[in-house]
Amino acid sequence: MKTHFSTLDVLRFFAAFWVMNFHYLFNQTGDLEWYRYGNLGVQLFFIISGFVIVQSLNGKSVKEFAVNRFLRLFPIFWILCTVTYLITLAIPETSTVSFSEYLRSMTMFGDLFNKIVGYTRLIDPSYWTLTVELIFYIGIGIFTYFFSSKNIRYFLGSWLILSVIAFLFRMDHNFYVKLLLVRHASYFVFGGALAMLATKQARNLFEKYFDLVLLFVSAAFATYIHPLALEPYYTINPLDTKIITLLHILFFTSVPILVYLSVFIKNARVIHFFAILGGITYPLYLLHQKIGNAILNFIIARYDKISWSNLSIGFEVIIIIIAYFVYLQDKKMRWWLKNKIAAKN
């Protein structure tokens, strides 16, 4: 039976909440507000994704993995992507997108298409992370199909080495090299290495030490390269580099501790509550930015005496509640689709 690390559900929710605060409040904050760095929540997502995917591939067929990932990601994404498109048409205060941009976004490869054909817009800017995730899933899925899930550590090691080489030789701006996800690979590798250590997947002492080396090298590489790219920060603070470095150190020390602490959580109600927090994260992430900002702008345009910060904080509660109900319906839909697929096989 696969071990469930419930503390990662809480961390996933925190990451989504942190990103949401960044998107709503970045232009309302001072240099040192904690949510100013909320876009780093995406890196937490990548760490968790690396952990979950490596754990879920252990002992499963690639077909089963692909079906589960598809059902987890696409049906609810297509629905919420369509809702987002309709809202951009209905609310004049938000920037509209073309129908072709909507269709490209629906593939979940929208950000990749944008780079190929020269477009710069997704229906929701947050969707760029989904392209990154999908490239990771496809890469690790193809490797597992040909070389078995027992050898995933060598996929992760090779990926990390290629990323370091691309960075050292300044090749990371080349489009094809970008497909290696140079800036993001180390987070997935860290999560994957941690999963192999936490679930004791090493078959011998060499593999155990290999996983440990992956863990430390990926953490060091990510901590080194991320502060070198500060484009996401709208007002550069001289302390940014130090703060981002410290936050990375916090990430790479706290995540293993949280994984370890999961062992001590036995209460079924607590585990269930944590699972709900983790479950609402995906719909919350899909809903919050474009739809949230469109509605906030619509309200502010008509009631300009309302403080953006106060309205945003209240609206966050509403978005979380909506995400919860979306999660419940998505859970039913996935269960129904999974049974339909199983009946045909």
C-alpha atoms as a PDB file:
ATOM      1  CA  MET A   1       0.000   0.000   0.000  1.00  0.00           C
ATOM      2  CA  LYS A   2       1.333   3.405  -1.012  1.00  0.00           C
ATOM      3  CA  THR A   3       2.225   5.668   1.922  1.00  0.00           C
ATOM      4  CA  HIS A   4       0.372   8.980   1.932  1.00  0.00           C
ATOM      5  CA  PHE A   5       2.407  11.915   3.211  1.00  0.00           C
ATOM      6  CA  SER A   6      -0.394  14.143   4.458  1.00  0.00           C
ATOM      7  CA  THR A   7       1.838  17.050   5.469  1.00  0.00           C
ATOM      8  CA  LEU A   8       2.573  17.605   1.776  1.00  0.00           C
ATOM      9  CA  ASP A   9      -1.143  18.302   1.281  1.00  0.00           C
ATOM     10  CA  VAL A  10      -0.848  21.190   3.728  1.00  0.00           C
ATOM     11  CA  LEU A  11       2.321  22.420   2.031  1.00  0.00           C
ATOM     12  CA  ARG A  12       0.605  22.272  -1.366  1.00  0.00           C
ATOM     13  CA  PHE A  13      -2.255  24.415  -0.058  1.00  0.00           C
ATOM     14  CA  PHE A  14       0.176  26.891   1.502  1.00  0.00           C
ATOM     15  CA  ALA A  15       2.020  27.185  -1.828  1.00  0.00           C
ATOM     16  CA  ALA A  16      -1.229  27.927  -3.701  1.00  0.00           C
ATOM     17  CA  PHE A  17      -2.318  30.434  -1.051  1.00  0.00           C
ATOM     18  CA  TRP A  18       1.078  32.147  -1.200  1.00  0.00           C
ATOM     19  CA  VAL A  19       0.927  32.402  -5.010  1.00  0.00           C
ATOM     20  CA  MET A  20      -2.615  33.790  -4.798  1.00  0.00           C
ATOM     21  CA  ASN A  21      -1.474  36.477  -2.352  1.00  0.00           C
ATOM     22  CA  PHE A  22       1.333  37.396  -4.723  1.00  0.00           C
ATOM     23  CA  HIS A  23      -1.031  37.768  -7.678  1.00  0.00           C
ATOM     24  CA  TYR A  24      -3.547  39.848  -5.732  1.00  0.00           C
ATOM     25  CA  LEU A  25      -1.266  41.958  -3.577  1.00  0.00           C
ATOM     26  CA  PHE A  26       2.141  42.335  -5.231  1.00  0.00           C
ATOM     27  CA  ASN A  27       1.468  45.954  -6.223  1.00  0.00           C
ATOM     28  CA  GLN A  28       0.037  46.790  -2.810  1.00  0.00           C
ATOM     29  CA  THR A  29       3.016  45.733  -0.714  1.00  0.00           C
ATOM     30  CA  GLY A  30       6.274  47.088   0.570  1.00  0.00           C
ATOM     31  CA  ASP A  31       9.661  45.637  -0.236  1.00  0.00           C
ATOM     32  CA  LEU A  32       9.686  43.098   2.588  1.00  0.00           C
ATOM     33  CA  GLU A  33       6.108  41.823   2.739  1.00  0.00           C
ATOM     34  CA  TRP A  34       6.171  38.025   2.889  1.00  0.00           C
ATOM     35  CA  TYR A  35       3.710  37.592   0.006  1.00  0.00           C
ATOM     36  CA  ARG A  36       5.937  39.725  -2.211  1.00  0.00           C
ATOM     37  CA  TYR A  37       7.882  36.490  -2.768  1.00  0.00           C
ATOM     38  CA  GLY A  38       4.743  34.413  -3.267  1.00  0.00           C
ATOM     39  CA  ASN A  39       5.646  33.400  -6.807  1.00  0.00           C
ATOM     40  CA  LEU A  40       8.221  31.114  -5.174  1.00  0.00           C
ATOM     41  CA  GLY A  41       5.221  29.001  -4.198  1.00  0.00           C
ATOM     42  CA  VAL A  42       5.491  27.624  -7.739  1.00  0.00           C
ATOM     43  CA  GLN A  43       8.882  26.138  -6.851  1.00  0.00           C
ATOM     44  CA  LEU A  44       7.257  24.420  -3.883  1.00  0.00           C
ATOM     45  CA  PHE A  45       4.702  22.959  -6.316  1.00  0.00           C
ATOM     46  CA  PHE A  46       7.517  21.562  -8.443  1.00  0.00           C
ATOM     47  CA  ILE A  47       9.202  19.952  -5.420  1.00  0.00           C
ATOM     48  CA  ILE A  48       5.918  18.341  -4.351  1.00  0.00           C
ATOM     49  CA  SER A  49       5.198  17.249  -7.928  1.00  0.00           C
ATOM     50  CA  GLY A  50       8.608  15.574  -8.198  1.00  0.00           C
ATOM     51  CA  PHE A  51       7.913  13.723  -4.952  1.00  0.00           C
ATOM     52  CA  VAL A  52       4.371  12.639  -5.841  1.00  0.00           C
ATOM     53  CA  ILE A  53       5.150  11.545  -9.406  1.00  0.00           C
ATOM     54  CA  VAL A  54       8.190   9.453  -8.467  1.00  0.00           C
ATOM     55  CA  GLN A  55       6.214   7.868  -5.639  1.00  0.00           C
ATOM     56  CA  SER A  56       3.174   7.179  -7.832  1.00  0.00           C
ATOM     57  CA  LEU A  57       5.248   5.602 -10.629  1.00  0.00           C
ATOM     58  CA  ASN A  58       6.726   3.075  -8.217  1.00  0.00           C
ATOM     59  CA  GLY A  59       5.012  -0.236  -8.960  1.00  0.00           C
ATOM     60  CA  LYS A  60       2.583   1.170 -11.551  1.00  0.00           C
ATOM     61  CA  SER A  61       2.438   0.738 -15.299  1.00  0.00           C
ATOM     62  CA  VAL A  62       3.046   3.771 -17.501  1.00  0.00           C
ATOM     63  CA  LYS A  63      -0.464   3.382 -18.920  1.00  0.00           C
ATOM     64  CA  GLU A  64      -1.998   3.539 -15.445  1.00  0.00           C
ATOM     65  CA  PHE A  65       0.170   6.551 -14.623  1.00  0.00           C
ATOM     66  CA  ALA A  66      -0.851   8.339 -17.844  1.00  0.00           C
ATOM     67  CA  VAL A  67      -4.571   7.707 -17.295  1.00  0.00           C
ATOM     68  CA  ASN A  68      -4.416   8.901 -13.685  1.00  0.00           C
ATOM     69  CA  ARG A  69      -2.505  12.067 -14.643  1.00  0.00           C
ATOM     70  CA  PHE A  70      -4.917  12.798 -17.490  1.00  0.00           C
ATOM     71  CA  LEU A  71      -7.978  12.433 -15.265  1.00  0.00           C
ATOM     72  CA  ARG A  72      -6.353  14.467 -12.516  1.00  0.00           C
ATOM     73  CA  LEU A  73      -5.393  17.373 -14.767  1.00  0.00           C
ATOM     74  CA  PHE A  74      -7.423  17.748 -17.928  1.00  0.00           C
ATOM     75  CA  PRO A  75     -11.212  17.446 -17.380  1.00  0.00           C
ATOM     76  CA  ILE A  76     -11.427  20.111 -14.672  1.00  0.00           C
ATOM     77  CA  PHE A  77      -8.818  22.204 -16.495  1.00  0.00           C
ATOM     78  CA  TRP A  78     -10.913  22.253 -19.684  1.00  0.00           C
ATOM     79  CA  ILE A  79     -13.989  23.311 -17.723  1.00  0.00           C
ATOM     80  CA  LEU A  80     -12.271  26.093 -15.773  1.00  0.00           C
ATOM     81  CA  CYS A  81     -10.320  27.257 -18.818  1.00  0.00           C
ATOM     82  CA  THR A  82     -13.639  27.663 -20.652  1.00  0.00           C
ATOM     83  CA  VAL A  83     -15.168  29.511 -17.687  1.00  0.00           C
ATOM     84  CA  THR A  84     -12.143  31.824 -17.665  1.00  0.00           C
ATOM     85  CA  TYR A  85     -12.558  32.542 -21.381  1.00  0.00           C
ATOM     86  CA  LEU A  86     -16.255  33.343 -20.980  1.00  0.00           C
ATOM     87  CA  ILE A  87     -15.543  35.682 -18.066  1.00  0.00           C
ATOM     88  CA  THR A  88     -12.936  37.574 -20.108  1.00  0.00           C
ATOM     89  CA  LEU A  89     -15.650  38.139 -22.711  1.00  0.00           C
ATOM     90  CA  ALA A  90     -18.298  39.131 -20.177  1.00  0.00           C
ATOM     91  CA  ILE A  91     -16.332  41.572 -17.997  1.00  0.00           C
ATOM     92  CA  PRO A  92     -15.126  44.660 -19.894  1.00  0.00           C
ATOM     93  CA  GLU A  93     -12.521  45.550 -17.246  1.00  0.00           C
ATOM     94  CA  THR A  94     -10.419  42.507 -18.057  1.00  0.00           C
ATOM     95  CA  SER A  95      -8.256  41.971 -21.118  1.00  0.00           C
ATOM     96  CA  THR A  96      -9.925  39.641 -23.576  1.00  0.00           C
ATOM     97  CA  VAL A  97      -8.166  36.854 -25.419  1.00  0.00           C
ATOM     98  CA  SER A  98      -8.860  35.536 -28.885  1.00  0.00           C
ATOM     99  CA  PHE A  99     -10.577  32.239 -29.562  1.00  0.00           C
ATOM    100  CA  SER A 100      -7.326  30.817 -30.971  1.00  0.00           C
ATOM    101  CA  GLU A 101      -5.496  31.791 -27.758  1.00  0.00           C
ATOM    102  CA  TYR A 102      -8.230  30.030 -25.807  1.00  0.00           C
ATOM    103  CA  LEU A 103      -7.793  26.875 -27.909  1.00  0.00           C
ATOM    104  CA  ARG A 104      -4.013  26.926 -27.465  1.00  0.00           C
ATOM    105  CA  SER A 105      -4.454  27.306 -23.719  1.00  0.00           C
ATOM    106  CA  MET A 106      -6.811  24.305 -23.688  1.00  0.00           C
ATOM    107  CA  THR A 107      -3.981  22.033 -24.846  1.00  0.00           C
ATOM    108  CA  MET A 108      -2.033  22.827 -21.653  1.00  0.00           C
ATOM    109  CA  PHE A 109       0.931  23.308 -23.991  1.00  0.00           C
ATOM    110  CA  GLY A 110      -0.119  26.895 -24.587  1.00  0.00           C
ATOM    111  CA  ASP A 111       3.079  28.395 -23.229  1.00  0.00           C
ATOM    112  CA  LEU A 112       5.137  26.139 -25.498  1.00  0.00           C
ATOM    113  CA  PHE A 113       3.062  27.126 -28.542  1.00  0.00           C
ATOM    114  CA  ASN A 114       3.503  30.769 -27.633  1.00  0.00           C
ATOM    115  CA  LYS A 115       7.289  30.401 -27.749  1.00  0.00           C
ATOM    116  CA  ILE A 116       7.175  28.536 -31.078  1.00  0.00           C
ATOM    117  CA  VAL A 117       4.821  30.853 -32.991  1.00  0.00           C
ATOM    118  CA  GLY A 118       5.722  34.108 -31.266  1.00  0.00           C
ATOM    119  CA  TYR A 119       2.570  34.751 -29.243  1.00  0.00           C
ATOM    120  CA  THR A 120       2.991  35.943 -25.691  1.00  0.00           C
ATOM    121  CA  ARG A 121      -0.433  35.509 -24.086  1.00  0.00           C
ATOM    122  CA  LEU A 122      -2.136  32.621 -22.347  1.00  0.00           C
ATOM    123  CA  ILE A 123      -5.769  32.855 -21.358  1.00  0.00           C
ATOM    124  CA  ASP A 124      -4.493  32.832 -17.773  1.00  0.00           C
ATOM    125  CA  PRO A 125      -0.817  33.700 -17.109  1.00  0.00           C
ATOM    126  CA  SER A 126      -0.675  31.037 -14.380  1.00  0.00           C
ATOM    127  CA  TYR A 127      -0.992  28.282 -16.975  1.00  0.00           C
ATOM    128  CA  TRP A 128       2.715  28.448 -17.839  1.00  0.00           C
ATOM    129  CA  THR A 129       3.421  26.161 -14.875  1.00  0.00           C
ATOM    130  CA  LEU A 130       1.106  23.504 -16.327  1.00  0.00           C
ATOM    131  CA  THR A 131       3.264  23.341 -19.455  1.00  0.00           C
ATOM    132  CA  VAL A 132       6.314  22.776 -17.240  1.00  0.00           C
ATOM    133  CA  GLU A 133       4.515  20.028 -15.308  1.00  0.00           C
ATOM    134  CA  LEU A 134       3.345  18.327 -18.488  1.00  0.00           C
ATOM    135  CA  ILE A 135       6.850  18.268 -19.983  1.00  0.00           C
ATOM    136  CA  PHE A 136       8.074  16.648 -16.756  1.00  0.00           C
ATOM    137  CA  TYR A 137       5.299  14.016 -16.827  1.00  0.00           C
ATOM    138  CA  ILE A 138       5.963  13.133 -20.464  1.00  0.00           C
ATOM    139  CA  GLY A 139       9.730  12.933 -19.988  1.00  0.00           C
ATOM    140  CA  ILE A 140       9.601  10.736 -16.904  1.00  0.00           C
ATOM    141  CA  GLY A 141       6.797   8.634 -18.404  1.00  0.00           C
ATOM    142  CA  ILE A 142       8.773   7.898 -21.592  1.00  0.00           C
ATOM    143  CA  PHE A 143      11.877   7.005 -19.576  1.00  0.00           C
ATOM    144  CA  THR A 144       9.889   4.681 -17.314  1.00  0.00           C
ATOM    145  CA  TYR A 145       8.283   2.964 -20.310  1.00  0.00           C
ATOM    146  CA  PHE A 146      11.689   2.032 -21.752  1.00  0.00           C
ATOM    147  CA  PHE A 147      13.817   1.658 -18.621  1.00  0.00           C
ATOM    148  CA  SER A 148      11.445   0.821 -15.714  1.00  0.00           C
ATOM    149  CA  SER A 149      10.429   2.883 -12.696  1.00  0.00           C
ATOM    150  CA  LYS A 150      13.227   1.214 -10.716  1.00  0.00           C
ATOM    151  CA  ASN A 151      15.742   3.286 -12.671  1.00  0.00           C
ATOM    152  CA  ILE A 152      14.075   6.691 -12.327  1.00  0.00           C
ATOM    153  CA  ARG A 153      16.995   7.969 -10.230  1.00  0.00           C
ATOM    154  CA  TYR A 154      19.163   7.774 -13.363  1.00  0.00           C
ATOM    155  CA  PHE A 155      16.643   9.834 -15.319  1.00  0.00           C
ATOM    156  CA  LEU A 156      16.698  12.440 -12.551  1.00  0.00           C
ATOM    157  CA  GLY A 157      20.495  12.379 -12.358  1.00  0.00           C
ATOM    158  CA  SER A 158      20.913  12.761 -16.129  1.00  0.00           C
ATOM    159  CA  TRP A 159      18.367  15.578 -16.212  1.00  0.00           C
ATOM    160  CA  LEU A 160      20.180  17.437 -13.451  1.00  0.00           C
ATOM    161  CA  ILE A 161      23.578  17.024 -15.150  1.00  0.00           C
ATOM    162  CA  LEU A 162      22.199  18.313 -18.482  1.00  0.00           C
ATOM    163  CA  SER A 163      20.628  21.284 -16.698  1.00  0.00           C
ATOM    164  CA  VAL A 164      23.911  22.180 -14.996  1.00  0.00           C
ATOM    165  CA  ILE A 165      25.807  21.891 -18.313  1.00  0.00           C
ATOM    166  CA  ALA A 166      23.229  24.056 -20.108  1.00  0.00           C
ATOM    167  CA  PHE A 167      23.511  26.678 -17.388  1.00  0.00           C
ATOM    168  CA  LEU A 168      27.328  26.672 -17.248  1.00  0.00           C
ATOM    169  CA  PHE A 169      27.640  27.066 -21.023  1.00  0.00           C
ATOM    170  CA  ARG A 170      24.872  29.713 -21.150  1.00  0.00           C
ATOM    171  CA  MET A 171      22.723  27.538 -23.387  1.00  0.00           C
ATOM    172  CA  ASP A 172      19.601  27.980 -21.255  1.00  0.00           C
ATOM    173  CA  HIS A 173      18.117  30.658 -23.565  1.00  0.00           C
ATOM    174  CA  ASN A 174      17.992  28.307 -26.548  1.00  0.00           C
ATOM    175  CA  PHE A 175      14.404  27.185 -27.200  1.00  0.00           C
ATOM    176  CA  TYR A 176      15.228  23.482 -27.437  1.00  0.00           C
ATOM    177  CA  VAL A 177      17.425  23.615 -24.361  1.00  0.00           C
ATOM    178  CA  LYS A 178      14.554  25.293 -22.512  1.00  0.00           C
ATOM    179  CA  LEU A 179      12.620  22.071 -22.995  1.00  0.00           C
ATOM    180  CA  LEU A 180      15.037  20.614 -20.439  1.00  0.00           C
ATOM    181  CA  LEU A 181      13.453  23.042 -17.944  1.00  0.00           C
ATOM    182  CA  VAL A 182      16.899  24.185 -16.803  1.00  0.00           C
ATOM    183  CA  ARG A 183      15.546  26.662 -14.253  1.00  0.00           C
ATOM    184  CA  HIS A 184      13.025  24.195 -12.838  1.00  0.00           C
ATOM    185  CA  ALA A 185      14.584  20.729 -13.139  1.00  0.00           C
ATOM    186  CA  SER A 186      16.390  20.838  -9.789  1.00  0.00           C
ATOM    187  CA  TYR A 187      13.104  21.245  -7.875  1.00  0.00           C
ATOM    188  CA  PHE A 188      11.556  18.171  -9.501  1.00  0.00           C
ATOM    189  CA  VAL A 189      14.802  16.245  -8.966  1.00  0.00           C
ATOM    190  CA  PHE A 190      14.897  17.214  -5.291  1.00  0.00           C
ATOM    191  CA  GLY A 191      11.305  16.064  -4.790  1.00  0.00           C
ATOM    192  CA  GLY A 192      11.930  12.818  -6.668  1.00  0.00           C
ATOM    193  CA  ALA A 193      15.111  12.021  -4.738  1.00  0.00           C
ATOM    194  CA  LEU A 194      13.321  12.736  -1.470  1.00  0.00           C
ATOM    195  CA  ALA A 195      10.486  10.380  -2.477  1.00  0.00           C
ATOM    196  CA  MET A 196      12.937   7.564  -3.216  1.00  0.00           C
ATOM    197  CA  LEU A 197      14.607   8.061   0.158  1.00  0.00           C
ATOM    198  CA  ALA A 198      11.336   8.393   2.079  1.00  0.00           C
ATOM    199  CA  THR A 199       9.827   5.259   0.527  1.00  0.00           C
ATOM    200  CA  LYS A 200      13.110   3.289   0.644  1.00  0.00           C
ATOM    201  CA  GLN A 201      13.263   2.550  -3.095  1.00  0.00           C
ATOM    202  CA  ALA A 202      17.045   2.053  -3.144  1.00  0.00           C
ATOM    203  CA  ARG A 203      17.947  -1.566  -3.871  1.00  0.00           C
ATOM    204  CA  ASN A 204      21.489  -1.297  -2.557  1.00  0.00           C
ATOM    205  CA  LEU A 205      23.893   1.059  -0.796  1.00  0.00           C
ATOM    206  CA  PHE A 206      25.071   2.658  -4.052  1.00  0.00           C
ATOM    207  CA  GLU A 207      21.533   3.698  -5.005  1.00  0.00           C
ATOM    208  CA  LYS A 208      20.900   5.074  -1.525  1.00  0.00           C
ATOM    209  CA  TYR A 209      23.992   7.279  -1.710  1.00  0.00           C
ATOM    210  CA  PHE A 210      23.103   8.210  -5.287  1.00  0.00           C
ATOM    211  CA  ASP A 211      19.703   9.462  -4.066  1.00  0.00           C
ATOM    212  CA  LEU A 212      21.371  11.449  -1.279  1.00  0.00           C
ATOM    213  CA  VAL A 213      23.766  13.079  -3.746  1.00  0.00           C
ATOM    214  CA  LEU A 214      20.818  13.972  -6.001  1.00  0.00           C
ATOM    215  CA  LEU A 215      19.053  15.527  -3.028  1.00  0.00           C
ATOM    216  CA  PHE A 216      21.941  17.764  -1.978  1.00  0.00           C
ATOM    217  CA  VAL A 217      23.206  18.708  -5.450  1.00  0.00           C
ATOM    218  CA  SER A 218      19.737  19.631  -6.738  1.00  0.00           C
ATOM    219  CA  ALA A 219      19.096  21.769  -3.647  1.00  0.00           C
ATOM    220  CA  ALA A 220      22.455  23.528  -4.018  1.00  0.00           C
ATOM    221  CA  PHE A 221      21.963  24.156  -7.756  1.00  0.00           C
ATOM    222  CA  ALA A 222      18.460  25.580  -7.313  1.00  0.00           C
ATOM    223  CA  THR A 223      19.581  27.790  -4.433  1.00  0.00           C
ATOM    224  CA  TYR A 224      22.422  29.125  -6.568  1.00  0.00           C
ATOM    225  CA  ILE A 225      20.655  29.833  -9.866  1.00  0.00           C
ATOM    226  CA  HIS A 226      17.243  31.162  -8.808  1.00  0.00           C
ATOM    227  CA  PRO A 227      18.415  34.438  -7.209  1.00  0.00           C
ATOM    228  CA  LEU A 228      20.207  35.220 -10.485  1.00  0.00           C
ATOM    229  CA  ALA A 229      16.840  35.693 -12.232  1.00  0.00           C
ATOM    230  CA  LEU A 230      14.749  38.367 -10.546  1.00  0.00           C
ATOM    231  CA  GLU A 231      12.447  39.285 -13.444  1.00  0.00           C
ATOM    232  CA  PRO A 232       9.282  38.337 -11.538  1.00  0.00           C
ATOM    233  CA  TYR A 233       9.925  41.050  -8.969  1.00  0.00           C
ATOM    234  CA  TYR A 234       8.298  44.310  -9.913  1.00  0.00           C
ATOM    235  CA  THR A 235      10.393  46.479  -7.601  1.00  0.00           C
ATOM    236  CA  ILE A 236      13.898  45.180  -7.122  1.00  0.00           C
ATOM    237  CA  ASN A 237      14.902  45.212  -3.496  1.00  0.00           C
ATOM    238  CA  PRO A 238      18.650  45.108  -2.723  1.00  0.00           C
ATOM    239  CA  LEU A 239      17.887  42.324  -0.248  1.00  0.00           C
ATOM    240  CA  ASP A 240      16.124  40.133  -2.838  1.00  0.00           C
ATOM    241  CA  THR A 241      19.097  37.867  -3.490  1.00  0.00           C
ATOM    242  CA  LYS A 242      19.663  37.176   0.207  1.00  0.00           C
ATOM    243  CA  ILE A 243      15.964  36.688   0.948  1.00  0.00           C
ATOM    244  CA  ILE A 244      15.432  34.328  -1.998  1.00  0.00           C
ATOM    245  CA  THR A 245      18.507  32.337  -0.993  1.00  0.00           C
ATOM    246  CA  LEU A 246      17.255  32.061   2.592  1.00  0.00           C
ATOM    247  CA  LEU A 247      13.797  31.016   1.373  1.00  0.00           C
ATOM    248  CA  HIS A 248      15.355  28.266  -0.747  1.00  0.00           C
ATOM    249  CA  ILE A 249      17.335  27.015   2.231  1.00  0.00           C
ATOM    250  CA  LEU A 250      14.071  27.015   4.191  1.00  0.00           C
ATOM    251  CA  PHE A 251      12.316  25.049   1.420  1.00  0.00           C
ATOM    252  CA  PHE A 252      15.005  22.402   1.156  1.00  0.00           C
ATOM    253  CA  THR A 253      15.217  21.856   4.908  1.00  0.00           C
ATOM    254  CA  SER A 254      11.520  22.088   5.803  1.00  0.00           C
ATOM    255  CA  VAL A 255      10.132  19.761   3.101  1.00  0.00           C
ATOM    256  CA  PRO A 256      12.128  16.697   4.291  1.00  0.00           C
ATOM    257  CA  ILE A 257      11.130  17.522   7.878  1.00  0.00           C
ATOM    258  CA  LEU A 258       7.453  17.701   6.877  1.00  0.00           C
ATOM    259  CA  VAL A 259       7.747  14.368   5.059  1.00  0.00           C
ATOM    260  CA  TYR A 260       9.255  12.828   8.196  1.00  0.00           C
ATOM    261  CA  LEU A 261       6.526  14.305  10.430  1.00  0.00           C
ATOM    262  CA  SER A 262       3.804  12.673   8.294  1.00  0.00           C
ATOM    263  CA  VAL A 263       4.628   9.378   9.982  1.00  0.00           C
ATOM    264  CA  PHE A 264       3.323  10.718  13.296  1.00  0.00           C
ATOM    265  CA  ILE A 265      -0.066  11.876  11.976  1.00  0.00           C
ATOM    266  CA  LYS A 266      -2.470   9.025  12.744  1.00  0.00           C
ATOM    267  CA  ASN A 267      -5.797  10.785  13.329  1.00  0.00           C
ATOM    268  CA  ALA A 268      -8.124   9.936  10.423  1.00  0.00           C
ATOM    269  CA  ARG A 269     -10.014  13.232  10.644  1.00  0.00           C
ATOM    270  CA  VAL A 270      -6.817  15.261  10.520  1.00  0.00           C
ATOM    271  CA  ILE A 271      -5.558  13.247   7.540  1.00  0.00           C
ATOM    272  CA  HIS A 272      -8.913  13.725   5.781  1.00  0.00           C
ATOM    273  CA  PHE A 273      -8.857  17.479   6.427  1.00  0.00           C
ATOM    274  CA  PHE A 274      -5.307  17.720   5.104  1.00  0.00           C
ATOM    275  CA  ALA A 275      -6.373  15.734   2.018  1.00  0.00           C
ATOM    276  CA  ILE A 276      -9.148  18.265   1.366  1.00  0.00           C
ATOM    277  CA  LEU A 277      -6.639  21.122   1.624  1.00  0.00           C
ATOM    278  CA  GLY A 278      -4.432  19.354  -0.893  1.00  0.00           C
ATOM    279  CA  GLY A 279      -7.411  18.556  -3.112  1.00  0.00           C
ATOM    280  CA  ILE A 280      -8.666  22.134  -3.446  1.00  0.00           C
ATOM    281  CA  THR A 281      -5.214  23.394  -4.439  1.00  0.00           C
ATOM    282  CA  TYR A 282      -5.540  22.631  -8.169  1.00  0.00           C
ATOM    283  CA  PRO A 283      -8.943  24.287  -8.703  1.00  0.00           C
ATOM    284  CA  LEU A 284      -7.805  27.187  -6.504  1.00  0.00           C
ATOM    285  CA  TYR A 285      -4.739  27.661  -8.681  1.00  0.00           C
ATOM    286  CA  LEU A 286      -6.797  27.533 -11.893  1.00  0.00           C
ATOM    287  CA  LEU A 287      -9.465  29.914 -10.596  1.00  0.00           C
ATOM    288  CA  HIS A 288      -7.604  32.580  -8.711  1.00  0.00           C
ATOM    289  CA  GLN A 289      -5.574  34.735 -11.104  1.00  0.00           C
ATOM    290  CA  LYS A 290      -7.478  35.656 -14.261  1.00  0.00           C
ATOM    291  CA  ILE A 291     -10.980  35.126 -12.897  1.00  0.00           C
ATOM    292  CA  GLY A 292     -10.130  36.616  -9.511  1.00  0.00           C
ATOM    293  CA  ASN A 293      -8.458  39.724 -10.901  1.00  0.00           C
ATOM    294  CA  ALA A 294     -11.249  40.215 -13.446  1.00  0.00           C
ATOM    295  CA  ILE A 295     -13.907  40.223 -10.716  1.00  0.00           C
ATOM    296  CA  LEU A 296     -11.803  42.396  -8.392  1.00  0.00           C
ATOM    297  CA  ASN A 297     -11.223  44.954 -11.158  1.00  0.00           C
ATOM    298  CA  PHE A 298     -14.938  44.904 -11.993  1.00  0.00           C
ATOM    299  CA  ILE A 299     -15.860  45.695  -8.372  1.00  0.00           C
ATOM    300  CA  ILE A 300     -13.152  48.335  -7.860  1.00  0.00           C
ATOM    301  CA  ALA A 301     -14.186  50.118 -11.079  1.00  0.00           C
ATOM    302  CA  ARG A 302     -17.688  50.613  -9.657  1.00  0.00           C
ATOM    303  CA  TYR A 303     -16.905  51.073  -5.974  1.00  0.00           C
ATOM    304  CA  ASP A 304     -13.604  52.926  -5.966  1.00  0.00           C
ATOM    305  CA  LYS A 305     -13.773  53.696  -2.238  1.00  0.00           C
ATOM    306  CA  ILE A 306     -13.166  50.038  -1.430  1.00  0.00           C
ATOM    307  CA  SER A 307      -9.574  49.224  -0.528  1.00  0.00           C
ATOM    308  CA  TRP A 308      -8.021  46.745  -2.978  1.00  0.00           C
ATOM    309  CA  SER A 309      -6.153  44.999  -0.154  1.00  0.00           C
ATOM    310  CA  ASN A 310      -9.261  44.567   2.014  1.00  0.00           C
ATOM    311  CA  LEU A 311     -11.360  43.436  -0.939  1.00  0.00           C
ATOM    312  CA  SER A 312      -8.659  40.968  -2.016  1.00  0.00           C
ATOM    313  CA  ILE A 313      -8.422  39.371   1.417  1.00  0.00           C
ATOM    314  CA  GLY A 314     -12.198  38.926   1.602  1.00  0.00           C
ATOM    315  CA  PHE A 315     -12.312  37.638  -1.951  1.00  0.00           C
ATOM    316  CA  GLU A 316      -9.632  35.037  -1.189  1.00  0.00           C
ATOM    317  CA  VAL A 317     -12.008  33.412   1.283  1.00  0.00           C
ATOM    318  CA  ILE A 318     -14.714  33.269  -1.396  1.00  0.00           C
ATOM    319  CA  ILE A 319     -12.326  31.780  -3.972  1.00  0.00           C
ATOM    320  CA  ILE A 320     -11.220  29.092  -1.495  1.00  0.00           C
ATOM    321  CA  ILE A 321     -14.867  28.161  -0.802  1.00  0.00           C
ATOM    322  CA  ILE A 322     -15.609  27.997  -4.542  1.00  0.00           C
ATOM    323  CA  ALA A 323     -12.485  25.877  -5.064  1.00  0.00           C
ATOM    324  CA  TYR A 324     -13.731  23.472  -2.394  1.00  0.00           C
ATOM    325  CA  PHE A 325     -17.046  22.907  -4.180  1.00  0.00           C
ATOM    326  CA  VAL A 326     -15.252  22.551  -7.519  1.00  0.00           C
ATOM    327  CA  TYR A 327     -12.970  19.955  -5.900  1.00  0.00           C
ATOM    328  CA  LEU A 328     -15.993  17.932  -4.717  1.00  0.00           C
ATOM    329  CA  GLN A 329     -17.533  17.888  -8.204  1.00  0.00           C
ATOM    330  CA  ASP A 330     -14.178  17.135  -9.819  1.00  0.00           C
ATOM    331  CA  LYS A 331     -13.727  14.180  -7.478  1.00  0.00           C
ATOM    332  CA  LYS A 332     -17.092  12.748  -8.583  1.00  0.00           C
ATOM    333  CA  MET A 333     -16.312  13.396 -12.250  1.00  0.00           C
ATOM    334  CA  ARG A 334     -12.924  11.659 -12.028  1.00  0.00           C
ATOM    335  CA  TRP A 335     -14.470   8.666 -10.277  1.00  0.00           C
ATOM    336  CA  TRP A 336     -17.124   8.411 -13.020  1.00  0.00           C
ATOM    337  CA  LEU A 337     -14.580   8.753 -15.840  1.00  0.00           C
ATOM    338  CA  LYS A 338     -12.238   6.233 -14.247  1.00  0.00           C
ATOM    339  CA  ASN A 339     -15.041   3.663 -14.034  1.00  0.00           C
ATOM    340  CA  LYS A 340     -15.980   4.322 -17.664  1.00  0.00           C
ATOM    341  CA  ILE A 341     -12.400   3.767 -18.785  1.00  0.00           C
ATOM    342  CA  ALA A 342     -12.073   0.631 -16.637  1.00  0.00           C
ATOM    343  CA  ALA A 343     -15.289  -0.794 -18.121  1.00  0.00           C
ATOM    344  CA  LYS A 344     -13.872  -0.484 -21.652  1.00  0.00           C
ATOM    345  CA  ASN A 345     -10.613  -2.284 -20.787  1.00  0.00           C
END
